[in-house]
Amino acid sequence: MTESLSAHVVLSSASPEQALLDRIALQEKQVFDWLSRFEPTSSTLAWLDNLRTIEECINLQTVHWNDDDFSSRLFRMPVAGLVHDLAPLRELHARLTDRFSAPFANRFRQLMLQASSMATSFISQGMGEVGGAMHNLSTLIGYLQSRRRHFVALLHVLPTACRGNVRIEPFEALTVMLPIVEFAGVSMMSAHGGLMARLARESLGLPVKSGVEIPMLDAGFLEPERSRIVEIHWQDAGYKHFYAMREPLRPDRLFSAAELRNDIVTIEAAYAEFDLAGSDFAIAAGLVRRLSRQCVVRDFWVEVAPDVFASMLDAAKAPEALRAALVQPVLSYMEGLSSYAPFVQVEGMLRSTVTLLSRFIYNWRARTLDSRKRYQIRTGFIFETVVKDRLSEQGFVVQDIKRINRREFDVVTVMEGVVWNVQCKNNFVDLATVDSDARRFARYNRALVKAYEKALDKERRREHLLQARLSIDNVQHMVVTRFPVVSDNPRIVPFSLMDEFVSRARTLLAQTATP
C-alpha cells in the first residue's frame, strides 16, 4: 500500500506549476483507486463510527476530572507503547467506564489499540514524525486535531469512491484510512499549498523559492475567522436568551442532541446584537433544532430520508444556498477538504452526526454575518483588542492613543524605547472559497498585500504625530492581518503567526540599526 499511495519525489513551492498539478491529480487518483475495492455502505458507516470515537478522544480535554493525578496519567498514557504493555490502558478503562459508560470506554480502548499499532507501522515505514505524534494521549489528540479536515474529506468521498465488495468493519477502519491520509491526503494538500504559495509569489513579482508555507490555521488547528465566539462580549439580551434556553446535559456523555441545541443557543446569545434572528441563520438553526429532536438516533447519529428532509427544508422555507450547503456531494478529495456539508447519503438515507451539524451551524453563522457591514466594523474593534492582548503578552506596552489631530491609530505600543505602530486588518474571506482554487487565492492575496503596503507607506508619512506625542524618535510600523497572506514583507504579520511578532520586531530593529 505504501508503494501505491506515497510519492517518491518531494515537491515544494519551488516546484514547477505543472509538476504540482500533476501530483495533485495523481494522488487524487490514488485515493479513489485504493478505496475502489471497498463496499460503500459498510465503509461509510464504519468511518462515521470512527469519527465519533475520534471526537470523543479529542474532547477528553474538556472534561473536569477533579483529580489532577488521574488527569496527568490519562494524558501521559504511552499510546505507542501499548503494543508492549497494556497495563496503563486497563487501568484507565475502568475509570472511563465509571465516568461515562462501558461502550464509551470500549470505543476509547479500541482507538488506542489501533493508534498504537499505526504508530509502530508508520515508524517502520520511515514516517517517524507521524508515529511520534502518537507517543502519548496528549500528542495523539494534537495529531487527531491536525487531521480533522482530512477525516471529513474521507467521509465525503467514501460513498462514491468505494465501488467494490470488501466490507470495512468499525474496528479496522482507522488502519485503512490513516495510511490514505498520510501517504496521499497530506502530501496532496501540501502540493496544493505549494501551488498556492508559488502562484501568490508570482502574482507579487517575487522569486519562486522552496520552503514557503501558508499559515492557514490558528492555534489548535482552527481555521481563521473574523472573530471567534470566545472573543465576543455578550450583551445582556444574550445572557437572558442563553439562561432561558439552555438545556441540562447528561454528565456521562461528551456529545448529545441537547448539547447541539445548546451550541445553537450559545451562538444566538453571543451574536445577539447582530440580529441573527432576522437572518438565514435563524432558518438553519430552526432546521437543525428540528433534526435534533426528530432524527437523532442514540443521542448522536442523525438519520433522515431524503424526501422527509426535503419536506423539512420546504417547511422551513430554506433558501437555495442553505439547501446546497447541507447536502453537497464532492467529486474529489480536495473538494472534501473544504466542505462543511454535514450530510452524506448512504443506503438511501441522509446521515450525519450531532458534531457535524454543530460544525455546520457554526460555519453558517460566519457565512451569514461576514457580509454585514456592522459585523465587519464591530469585529474590527474586537480584533484590535485581541492584538493588544497578544502584544502585551510579548512585552509591548500598549499606549492609550486612538487619535492625534483627528488622525486615527489602531494599536500603538512601546517596547524598549521604540514605538510600534500596529495596524489591524480584519479583511477576511471564507477560506473554503479560496483554498480550493490556487489562482483565486493568488489574486486575493495580491490585492491584500498591495493594500497593506500602501497602508504602511501612509503610516510612515504621519509618524511625526507619534514622535511628538510620545517623545520617541524611533517609530516602527507593522500590519497584523487576520487573513493568512503570503508576502516577503516582514512588517506584514498574519495573525496565525502572531507569536512571532516580537522576534520579527527585534530582527527589523537589527536590520535598520545605524552602523
Protein backbone atom coordinates (compact mmCIF):
# COMPACT_ATOMS: atom_id res chain seq x y z
CA MET A 1 0.00 0.00 0.00
CA THR A 2 2.83 2.39 0.80
CA GLU A 3 4.18 1.99 -2.74
CA SER A 4 0.79 2.77 -4.28
CA LEU A 5 -0.02 5.81 -2.19
CA SER A 6 3.29 7.52 -1.50
CA ALA A 7 5.06 9.90 -3.88
CA HIS A 8 8.79 9.42 -4.13
CA VAL A 9 9.76 12.95 -5.24
CA VAL A 10 9.17 15.64 -2.62
CA LEU A 11 7.62 18.76 -4.15
CA SER A 12 7.59 22.29 -2.75
CA SER A 13 6.56 25.85 -3.59
CA ALA A 14 9.62 25.98 -5.86
CA SER A 15 8.45 23.05 -7.97
CA PRO A 16 7.09 23.74 -11.48
CA GLU A 17 3.39 24.54 -11.57
CA GLN A 18 2.61 21.58 -13.82
CA ALA A 19 4.50 19.20 -11.53
CA LEU A 20 2.36 20.35 -8.60
CA LEU A 21 -0.84 19.98 -10.61
CA ASP A 22 0.23 16.52 -11.77
CA ARG A 23 0.98 15.47 -8.18
CA ILE A 24 -2.45 16.59 -7.00
CA ALA A 25 -4.14 14.71 -9.86
CA LEU A 26 -2.02 11.60 -9.28
CA GLN A 27 -2.80 11.39 -5.60
CA GLU A 28 -6.50 12.11 -6.16
CA LYS A 29 -6.47 9.09 -8.47
CA GLN A 30 -4.55 7.01 -5.93
CA VAL A 31 -7.09 7.78 -3.19
CA PHE A 32 -10.00 6.74 -5.39
CA ASP A 33 -8.17 3.70 -6.76
CA TRP A 34 -7.31 2.47 -3.26
CA LEU A 35 -10.87 2.96 -1.99
CA SER A 36 -12.48 1.42 -5.09
CA ARG A 37 -12.24 -2.16 -3.76
CA PHE A 38 -14.28 -1.38 -0.65
CA GLU A 39 -18.05 -1.62 -0.30
CA PRO A 40 -19.54 1.90 0.12
CA THR A 41 -22.19 1.38 2.81
CA SER A 42 -20.10 -0.51 5.36
CA SER A 43 -17.11 1.75 4.70
CA THR A 44 -19.01 4.99 5.23
CA LEU A 45 -20.85 3.74 8.31
CA ALA A 46 -17.63 2.35 9.79
CA TRP A 47 -15.88 5.67 9.23
CA LEU A 48 -18.77 7.61 10.78
CA ASP A 49 -18.43 5.33 13.79
CA ASN A 50 -14.70 6.08 14.00
CA LEU A 51 -15.30 9.83 13.66
CA ARG A 52 -17.42 9.61 16.79
CA THR A 53 -14.61 7.93 18.73
CA ILE A 54 -12.03 10.39 17.43
CA GLU A 55 -14.14 13.36 18.52
CA GLU A 56 -14.71 11.77 21.92
CA CYS A 57 -10.96 11.35 22.33
CA ILE A 58 -10.22 14.95 21.34
CA ASN A 59 -12.87 16.28 23.69
CA LEU A 60 -11.50 14.47 26.72
CA GLN A 61 -9.53 17.72 27.09
CA THR A 62 -12.77 19.48 28.07
CA VAL A 63 -13.65 17.09 30.92
CA HIS A 64 -13.25 18.28 34.51
CA TRP A 65 -11.86 15.24 36.30
CA ASN A 66 -11.44 16.79 39.75
CA ASP A 67 -8.41 14.53 40.07
CA ASP A 68 -5.12 16.01 38.90
CA ASP A 69 -3.24 12.76 39.34
CA PHE A 70 -5.65 10.80 37.15
CA SER A 71 -5.74 13.57 34.55
CA SER A 72 -1.95 13.54 34.36
CA ARG A 73 -1.83 9.77 33.98
CA LEU A 74 -4.56 9.86 31.34
CA PHE A 75 -2.90 12.37 29.04
CA ARG A 76 0.58 10.92 29.59
CA MET A 77 -0.55 7.39 28.77
CA PRO A 78 2.08 5.96 26.36
CA VAL A 79 -0.13 5.19 23.36
CA ALA A 80 2.71 3.98 21.14
CA GLY A 81 3.98 1.79 23.98
CA LEU A 82 0.71 -0.10 24.36
CA VAL A 83 1.98 -2.69 21.89
CA HIS A 84 4.37 -3.76 24.66
CA ASP A 85 2.35 -3.10 27.82
CA LEU A 86 -1.44 -2.81 28.11
CA ALA A 87 -1.47 -2.15 31.85
CA PRO A 88 -1.88 1.67 31.58
CA LEU A 89 -4.88 1.22 29.29
CA ARG A 90 -6.51 -1.37 31.54
CA GLU A 91 -6.26 1.00 34.49
CA LEU A 92 -7.80 3.90 32.59
CA HIS A 93 -10.55 1.74 31.09
CA ALA A 94 -12.17 1.17 34.48
CA ARG A 95 -12.16 4.88 35.32
CA LEU A 96 -13.61 5.84 31.92
CA THR A 97 -16.33 3.23 32.38
CA ASP A 98 -17.30 4.78 35.72
CA ARG A 99 -17.18 8.35 34.34
CA PHE A 100 -19.01 7.68 31.08
CA SER A 101 -20.07 4.13 30.18
CA ALA A 102 -18.72 0.75 29.18
CA PRO A 103 -19.41 1.39 25.45
CA PHE A 104 -17.53 4.71 25.67
CA ALA A 105 -14.56 3.08 27.40
CA ASN A 106 -14.57 0.24 24.87
CA ARG A 107 -14.51 2.68 21.96
CA PHE A 108 -11.63 4.54 23.56
CA ARG A 109 -9.73 1.29 24.13
CA GLN A 110 -10.19 0.26 20.50
CA LEU A 111 -8.94 3.65 19.27
CA MET A 112 -5.86 3.42 21.49
CA LEU A 113 -5.04 -0.08 20.26
CA GLN A 114 -5.41 0.98 16.63
CA ALA A 115 -3.31 4.12 17.19
CA SER A 116 -0.60 2.09 18.92
CA SER A 117 -0.47 -0.33 16.01
CA MET A 118 -0.42 2.50 13.47
CA ALA A 119 2.39 4.30 15.33
CA THR A 120 4.57 1.20 15.03
CA SER A 121 3.64 0.81 11.36
CA PHE A 122 4.39 4.43 10.45
CA ILE A 123 7.75 4.35 12.23
CA SER A 124 8.72 1.13 10.43
CA GLN A 125 7.92 2.83 7.11
CA GLY A 126 10.16 5.79 7.81
CA MET A 127 7.41 8.16 8.95
CA GLY A 128 8.79 8.79 12.42
CA GLU A 129 7.15 12.19 12.72
CA VAL A 130 3.69 10.69 12.31
CA GLY A 131 4.47 7.76 14.60
CA GLY A 132 5.96 10.14 17.15
CA ALA A 133 2.75 12.18 17.14
CA MET A 134 1.10 9.15 18.73
CA HIS A 135 3.62 8.94 21.56
CA ASN A 136 1.09 9.58 24.32
CA LEU A 137 -2.56 10.57 24.57
CA SER A 138 -1.80 14.29 24.65
CA THR A 139 0.25 14.18 21.44
CA LEU A 140 -2.27 11.84 19.82
CA ILE A 141 -5.05 14.35 20.46
CA GLY A 142 -2.95 17.05 18.81
CA TYR A 143 -2.40 14.77 15.83
CA LEU A 144 -6.11 13.96 15.51
CA GLN A 145 -6.98 17.65 15.66
CA SER A 146 -4.48 18.38 12.89
CA ARG A 147 -6.13 15.78 10.63
CA ARG A 148 -9.79 16.71 11.19
CA ARG A 149 -10.26 18.20 7.71
CA HIS A 150 -8.81 15.06 6.16
CA PHE A 151 -11.14 12.85 8.18
CA VAL A 152 -14.16 14.84 6.96
CA ALA A 153 -12.83 14.80 3.38
CA LEU A 154 -12.69 11.00 3.51
CA LEU A 155 -16.26 10.85 4.77
CA HIS A 156 -17.43 12.81 1.74
CA VAL A 157 -15.55 10.75 -0.87
CA LEU A 158 -16.32 7.29 0.54
CA PRO A 159 -19.87 6.93 -0.88
CA THR A 160 -18.64 7.47 -4.45
CA ALA A 161 -15.03 6.27 -4.29
CA CYS A 162 -15.94 2.89 -2.79
CA ARG A 163 -17.27 0.68 -5.61
CA GLY A 164 -16.22 -2.84 -4.59
CA ASN A 165 -17.49 -5.54 -2.25
CA VAL A 166 -14.83 -5.63 0.50
CA ARG A 167 -16.50 -4.64 3.75
CA ILE A 168 -14.83 -2.42 6.33
CA GLU A 169 -15.73 -3.00 9.97
CA PRO A 170 -15.51 -0.19 12.55
CA PHE A 171 -12.62 -1.86 14.40
CA GLU A 172 -10.41 -1.78 11.28
CA ALA A 173 -11.47 1.50 9.66
CA LEU A 174 -8.70 3.60 11.18
CA THR A 175 -5.99 1.25 9.95
CA VAL A 176 -7.43 1.56 6.43
CA MET A 177 -7.98 5.32 6.42
CA LEU A 178 -4.91 6.72 8.20
CA PRO A 179 -2.44 5.49 5.57
CA ILE A 180 -4.61 7.12 2.89
CA VAL A 181 -4.49 10.39 4.82
CA GLU A 182 -0.75 10.26 5.46
CA PHE A 183 0.54 8.85 2.18
CA ALA A 184 -1.86 10.68 -0.14
CA GLY A 185 -4.05 13.26 1.59
CA VAL A 186 -1.37 15.20 3.45
CA SER A 187 1.04 15.28 0.53
CA MET A 188 -1.80 16.21 -1.82
CA MET A 189 -2.69 19.13 0.44
CA SER A 190 1.00 20.02 0.67
CA ALA A 191 1.28 20.10 -3.13
CA HIS A 192 -1.81 22.30 -3.31
CA GLY A 193 -0.34 24.59 -0.65
CA GLY A 194 2.88 24.74 -2.66
CA LEU A 195 0.88 25.66 -5.76
CA MET A 196 -0.96 28.41 -3.87
CA ALA A 197 2.30 29.81 -2.49
CA ARG A 198 4.01 29.67 -5.88
CA LEU A 199 1.19 31.45 -7.70
CA ALA A 200 0.82 34.00 -4.89
CA ARG A 201 4.52 34.87 -5.09
CA GLU A 202 4.44 35.05 -8.87
CA SER A 203 1.48 37.45 -8.75
CA LEU A 204 3.52 39.74 -6.48
CA GLY A 205 6.58 39.54 -8.71
CA LEU A 206 8.53 37.68 -6.02
CA PRO A 207 11.06 34.99 -6.92
CA VAL A 208 9.89 31.42 -6.57
CA LYS A 209 11.52 29.65 -3.63
CA SER A 210 11.11 26.47 -1.63
CA GLY A 211 10.01 26.25 1.97
CA VAL A 212 7.17 28.77 1.64
CA GLU A 213 4.19 27.70 3.74
CA ILE A 214 0.86 29.46 4.00
CA PRO A 215 -0.04 29.97 7.69
CA MET A 216 -3.65 28.94 7.19
CA LEU A 217 -4.61 27.69 10.63
CA ASP A 218 -4.70 29.38 14.02
CA ALA A 219 -3.70 27.73 17.28
CA GLY A 220 -5.39 24.40 17.90
CA PHE A 221 -5.58 23.84 14.11
CA LEU A 222 -8.59 26.15 13.96
CA GLU A 223 -9.46 27.90 10.73
CA PRO A 224 -9.22 31.70 10.92
CA GLU A 225 -12.37 33.80 11.13
CA ARG A 226 -13.22 37.45 11.67
CA SER A 227 -13.90 36.93 15.34
CA ARG A 228 -14.10 33.76 17.40
CA ILE A 229 -17.09 33.24 19.62
CA VAL A 230 -14.81 33.32 22.69
CA GLU A 231 -13.75 36.87 21.71
CA ILE A 232 -17.30 38.27 21.61
CA HIS A 233 -18.54 40.34 24.56
CA TRP A 234 -22.06 39.20 25.32
CA GLN A 235 -24.80 41.77 25.81
CA ASP A 236 -27.47 41.47 28.49
CA ALA A 237 -30.02 40.23 25.96
CA GLY A 238 -27.63 37.45 25.02
CA TYR A 239 -27.24 36.29 28.61
CA LYS A 240 -31.01 36.30 29.12
CA HIS A 241 -31.52 34.23 25.98
CA PHE A 242 -28.81 31.76 26.99
CA TYR A 243 -30.09 31.14 30.52
CA ALA A 244 -33.68 30.90 29.31
CA MET A 245 -32.98 28.41 26.53
CA ARG A 246 -30.05 26.22 27.58
CA GLU A 247 -30.77 22.59 28.44
CA PRO A 248 -29.23 20.39 31.14
CA LEU A 249 -26.67 17.90 29.84
CA ARG A 250 -26.03 14.35 30.93
CA PRO A 251 -22.65 14.18 32.70
CA ASP A 252 -21.91 10.75 31.23
CA ARG A 253 -21.87 11.97 27.62
CA LEU A 254 -19.48 14.21 25.73
CA PHE A 255 -21.96 14.76 22.87
CA SER A 256 -25.72 14.75 22.64
CA ALA A 257 -28.65 16.27 20.80
CA ALA A 258 -29.17 18.58 23.77
CA GLU A 259 -25.59 19.81 23.51
CA LEU A 260 -26.14 20.53 19.81
CA ARG A 261 -29.15 22.67 20.71
CA ASN A 262 -27.08 24.38 23.41
CA ASP A 263 -24.42 25.15 20.79
CA ILE A 264 -27.08 26.96 18.78
CA VAL A 265 -28.25 28.85 21.86
CA THR A 266 -24.67 29.91 22.60
CA ILE A 267 -24.24 31.28 19.08
CA GLU A 268 -27.55 33.13 19.27
CA ALA A 269 -26.60 34.60 22.64
CA ALA A 270 -23.08 35.65 21.69
CA TYR A 271 -24.13 37.32 18.44
CA ALA A 272 -27.48 38.68 19.63
CA GLU A 273 -26.52 42.28 18.78
CA PHE A 274 -26.24 41.37 15.08
CA ASP A 275 -29.88 40.27 14.70
CA LEU A 276 -29.29 36.65 13.83
CA ALA A 277 -32.99 36.10 14.50
CA GLY A 278 -33.82 38.02 11.32
CA SER A 279 -31.34 36.22 9.09
CA ASP A 280 -30.86 32.96 7.21
CA PHE A 281 -29.07 31.69 10.30
CA ALA A 282 -32.41 31.53 12.11
CA ILE A 283 -33.78 29.31 9.35
CA ALA A 284 -30.78 26.99 9.60
CA ALA A 285 -30.96 26.97 13.40
CA GLY A 286 -34.65 26.07 13.35
CA LEU A 287 -33.99 23.26 10.91
CA VAL A 288 -31.11 21.82 12.94
CA ARG A 289 -33.21 22.00 16.11
CA ARG A 290 -35.96 20.05 14.39
CA LEU A 291 -33.46 17.46 13.15
CA SER A 292 -32.03 17.15 16.67
CA ARG A 293 -35.46 16.34 18.10
CA GLN A 294 -36.87 14.11 15.37
CA CYS A 295 -33.95 12.46 13.57
CA VAL A 296 -31.25 11.70 16.16
CA VAL A 297 -30.53 8.05 16.95
CA ARG A 298 -28.87 7.07 20.24
CA ASP A 299 -28.24 10.74 21.00
CA PHE A 300 -25.51 11.05 18.35
CA TRP A 301 -26.35 9.77 14.86
CA VAL A 302 -28.59 11.78 12.57
CA GLU A 303 -30.63 9.80 10.04
CA VAL A 304 -33.32 11.20 7.74
CA ALA A 305 -34.89 10.05 4.49
CA PRO A 306 -34.26 12.44 1.56
CA ASP A 307 -37.98 13.06 0.96
CA VAL A 308 -38.56 13.81 4.66
CA PHE A 309 -35.56 16.14 4.64
CA ALA A 310 -36.89 17.90 1.54
CA SER A 311 -40.21 18.44 3.32
CA MET A 312 -38.37 19.89 6.32
CA LEU A 313 -36.49 22.29 4.05
CA ASP A 314 -39.73 23.37 2.37
CA ALA A 315 -41.46 23.87 5.71
CA ALA A 316 -38.53 26.00 6.90
CA LYS A 317 -38.58 27.99 3.63
CA ALA A 318 -34.87 27.31 3.35
CA PRO A 319 -33.08 29.39 0.70
CA GLU A 320 -31.23 27.62 -2.11
CA ALA A 321 -27.84 28.48 -0.62
CA LEU A 322 -28.73 26.68 2.61
CA ARG A 323 -30.11 23.65 0.78
CA ALA A 324 -26.93 23.37 -1.27
CA ALA A 325 -24.71 23.77 1.79
CA LEU A 326 -26.39 20.98 3.76
CA VAL A 327 -26.01 18.24 1.16
CA GLN A 328 -23.05 18.83 -1.13
CA PRO A 329 -21.67 15.76 -2.93
CA VAL A 330 -17.98 16.17 -3.73
CA LEU A 331 -16.10 14.93 -6.78
CA SER A 332 -12.62 14.96 -5.27
CA TYR A 333 -10.67 14.69 -2.04
CA MET A 334 -9.61 18.33 -2.40
CA GLU A 335 -13.27 19.39 -2.56
CA GLY A 336 -13.93 17.35 0.56
CA LEU A 337 -11.21 19.22 2.44
CA SER A 338 -13.19 22.45 2.01
CA SER A 339 -16.63 21.00 2.73
CA TYR A 340 -18.79 21.89 5.72
CA ALA A 341 -21.78 19.91 4.46
CA PRO A 342 -22.94 17.75 7.39
CA PHE A 343 -24.78 15.07 5.40
CA VAL A 344 -23.71 12.17 3.21
CA GLN A 345 -26.15 9.83 1.50
CA VAL A 346 -25.71 6.18 2.41
CA GLU A 347 -28.08 3.33 1.55
CA GLY A 348 -30.88 5.71 0.60
CA MET A 349 -30.63 7.75 3.82
CA LEU A 350 -29.01 11.07 4.61
CA ARG A 351 -26.67 10.52 7.54
CA SER A 352 -24.74 12.84 9.83
CA THR A 353 -23.80 13.30 13.48
CA VAL A 354 -24.53 15.93 16.09
CA THR A 355 -20.89 17.05 15.91
CA LEU A 356 -21.00 17.52 12.12
CA LEU A 357 -24.22 19.52 12.47
CA SER A 358 -22.60 21.66 15.17
CA ARG A 359 -19.63 22.29 12.86
CA PHE A 360 -22.00 23.23 10.05
CA ILE A 361 -24.14 25.64 12.06
CA TYR A 362 -21.08 27.45 13.41
CA ASN A 363 -19.77 27.89 9.87
CA TRP A 364 -23.20 29.01 8.64
CA ARG A 365 -23.15 31.71 11.32
CA ALA A 366 -19.94 33.05 9.76
CA ARG A 367 -21.36 32.89 6.24
CA THR A 368 -24.44 34.77 7.42
CA LEU A 369 -22.60 37.52 9.28
CA ASP A 370 -19.40 38.07 7.29
CA SER A 371 -21.05 40.18 4.60
CA ARG A 372 -22.71 42.54 7.11
CA LYS A 373 -21.00 45.91 7.39
CA ARG A 374 -21.88 46.38 11.06
CA TYR A 375 -20.42 42.99 11.91
CA GLN A 376 -17.25 43.78 9.97
CA ILE A 377 -16.81 47.07 11.84
CA ARG A 378 -17.58 45.59 15.26
CA THR A 379 -15.27 42.63 14.79
CA GLY A 380 -12.58 45.02 13.60
CA PHE A 381 -12.57 46.61 17.06
CA ILE A 382 -12.63 43.17 18.68
CA PHE A 383 -9.62 42.17 16.58
CA GLU A 384 -7.73 45.24 17.80
CA THR A 385 -8.38 44.20 21.40
CA VAL A 386 -7.14 40.67 20.71
CA VAL A 387 -3.97 42.02 19.07
CA LYS A 388 -3.37 44.34 22.05
CA ASP A 389 -3.61 41.39 24.43
CA ARG A 390 -1.21 39.27 22.38
CA LEU A 391 1.29 42.13 22.15
CA SER A 392 1.08 42.75 25.89
CA GLU A 393 1.90 39.08 26.50
CA GLN A 394 5.09 39.58 24.47
CA GLY A 395 6.28 42.59 26.45
CA PHE A 396 4.86 45.50 24.46
CA VAL A 397 3.27 48.32 26.49
CA VAL A 398 0.01 49.42 24.90
CA GLN A 399 -0.44 53.19 24.79
CA ASP A 400 -3.75 54.98 25.33
CA ILE A 401 -3.74 56.56 21.89
CA LYS A 402 -6.62 56.34 19.43
CA ARG A 403 -6.50 59.76 17.76
CA ILE A 404 -3.96 62.53 17.27
CA ASN A 405 -5.12 65.65 15.45
CA ARG A 406 -8.17 63.72 14.25
CA ARG A 407 -5.96 61.01 12.76
CA GLU A 408 -6.88 57.50 13.94
CA PHE A 409 -4.46 54.78 15.04
CA ASP A 410 -5.29 51.12 15.71
CA VAL A 411 -2.77 49.87 18.28
CA VAL A 412 0.21 51.89 19.47
CA THR A 413 2.74 50.21 21.74
CA VAL A 414 6.19 50.89 23.16
CA MET A 415 8.91 48.37 23.90
CA GLU A 416 12.50 49.15 24.91
CA GLY A 417 12.31 52.75 23.78
CA VAL A 418 10.79 52.05 20.37
CA VAL A 419 7.25 52.87 19.23
CA TRP A 420 5.49 50.06 17.41
CA ASN A 421 2.50 51.37 15.46
CA VAL A 422 0.37 48.35 14.54
CA GLN A 423 -2.45 48.40 12.04
CA CYS A 424 -5.02 45.63 12.47
CA LYS A 425 -6.51 44.43 9.21
CA ASN A 426 -9.57 42.26 9.69
CA ASN A 427 -10.04 41.63 5.97
CA PHE A 428 -11.43 38.18 5.55
CA VAL A 429 -12.96 35.75 3.11
CA ASP A 430 -14.13 32.23 3.85
CA LEU A 431 -11.09 30.03 3.23
CA ALA A 432 -13.31 27.45 1.54
CA THR A 433 -13.81 29.93 -1.31
CA VAL A 434 -10.10 30.40 -1.98
CA ASP A 435 -8.07 27.48 -0.65
CA SER A 436 -9.54 25.10 -3.24
CA ASP A 437 -8.64 27.48 -6.08
CA ALA A 438 -4.96 28.43 -6.12
CA ARG A 439 -5.37 31.17 -8.72
CA ARG A 440 -8.23 32.79 -6.84
CA PHE A 441 -6.12 32.71 -3.69
CA ALA A 442 -3.21 34.35 -5.53
CA ARG A 443 -5.44 37.17 -6.80
CA TYR A 444 -6.92 37.84 -3.37
CA ASN A 445 -3.51 37.60 -1.72
CA ARG A 446 -2.02 40.13 -4.16
CA ALA A 447 -4.84 42.61 -3.57
CA LEU A 448 -4.41 42.40 0.20
CA VAL A 449 -0.61 42.65 0.20
CA LYS A 450 -0.64 45.67 -2.12
CA ALA A 451 -3.24 47.36 0.11
CA TYR A 452 -1.20 46.62 3.24
CA GLU A 453 1.99 48.01 1.69
CA LYS A 454 0.15 51.23 0.81
CA ALA A 455 -1.16 51.40 4.37
CA LEU A 456 2.39 51.09 5.73
CA ASP A 457 3.52 53.94 3.47
CA LYS A 458 0.67 56.08 4.77
CA GLU A 459 1.67 55.41 8.37
CA ARG A 460 5.28 56.40 7.67
CA ARG A 461 4.09 59.75 6.36
CA ARG A 462 2.36 60.55 9.64
CA GLU A 463 4.76 59.01 12.15
CA HIS A 464 5.72 62.54 13.24
CA LEU A 465 2.44 62.64 15.16
CA LEU A 466 3.52 59.69 17.30
CA GLN A 467 7.03 61.07 17.72
CA ALA A 468 5.62 64.32 19.08
CA ARG A 469 3.05 62.66 21.36
CA LEU A 470 5.41 60.08 22.88
CA SER A 471 8.72 61.99 22.63
CA ILE A 472 10.32 58.95 20.98
CA ASP A 473 12.08 59.27 17.63
CA ASN A 474 12.21 55.60 16.63
CA VAL A 475 8.79 54.65 15.25
CA GLN A 476 8.27 51.31 13.51
CA HIS A 477 5.15 50.36 11.56
CA MET A 478 3.57 46.91 11.29
CA VAL A 479 0.40 45.29 9.96
CA VAL A 480 -1.31 42.32 11.61
CA THR A 481 -3.71 40.64 9.19
CA ARG A 482 -6.46 38.20 10.06
CA PHE A 483 -6.21 36.62 6.59
CA PRO A 484 -3.10 34.43 6.18
CA VAL A 485 -1.28 36.24 3.37
CA VAL A 486 1.89 35.23 1.51
CA SER A 487 4.45 38.04 1.47
CA ASP A 488 8.17 38.65 1.90
CA ASN A 489 7.47 41.87 3.80
CA PRO A 490 8.43 41.20 7.45
CA ARG A 491 6.20 44.09 8.53
CA ILE A 492 3.08 42.18 7.45
CA VAL A 493 2.29 39.55 10.09
CA PRO A 494 -0.54 37.01 9.65
CA PHE A 495 -2.40 36.63 12.93
CA SER A 496 -1.75 32.89 12.85
CA LEU A 497 1.95 33.81 13.26
CA MET A 498 1.31 36.36 15.99
CA ASP A 499 3.65 34.57 18.39
CA GLU A 500 6.50 35.56 16.06
CA PHE A 501 5.76 39.28 16.36
CA VAL A 502 8.41 40.09 18.96
CA SER A 503 11.11 38.13 17.13
CA ARG A 504 10.23 39.89 13.88
CA ALA A 505 10.37 43.22 15.69
CA ARG A 506 13.85 42.53 17.04
CA THR A 507 15.06 41.38 13.62
CA LEU A 508 13.73 44.54 11.99
CA LEU A 509 15.46 46.71 14.58
CA ALA A 510 18.73 44.89 13.98
CA GLN A 511 18.38 45.39 10.23
CA THR A 512 17.55 49.08 10.49
CA ALA A 513 20.09 49.94 13.19
CA THR A 514 22.64 52.59 12.22
CA PRO A 515 26.15 51.03 11.94
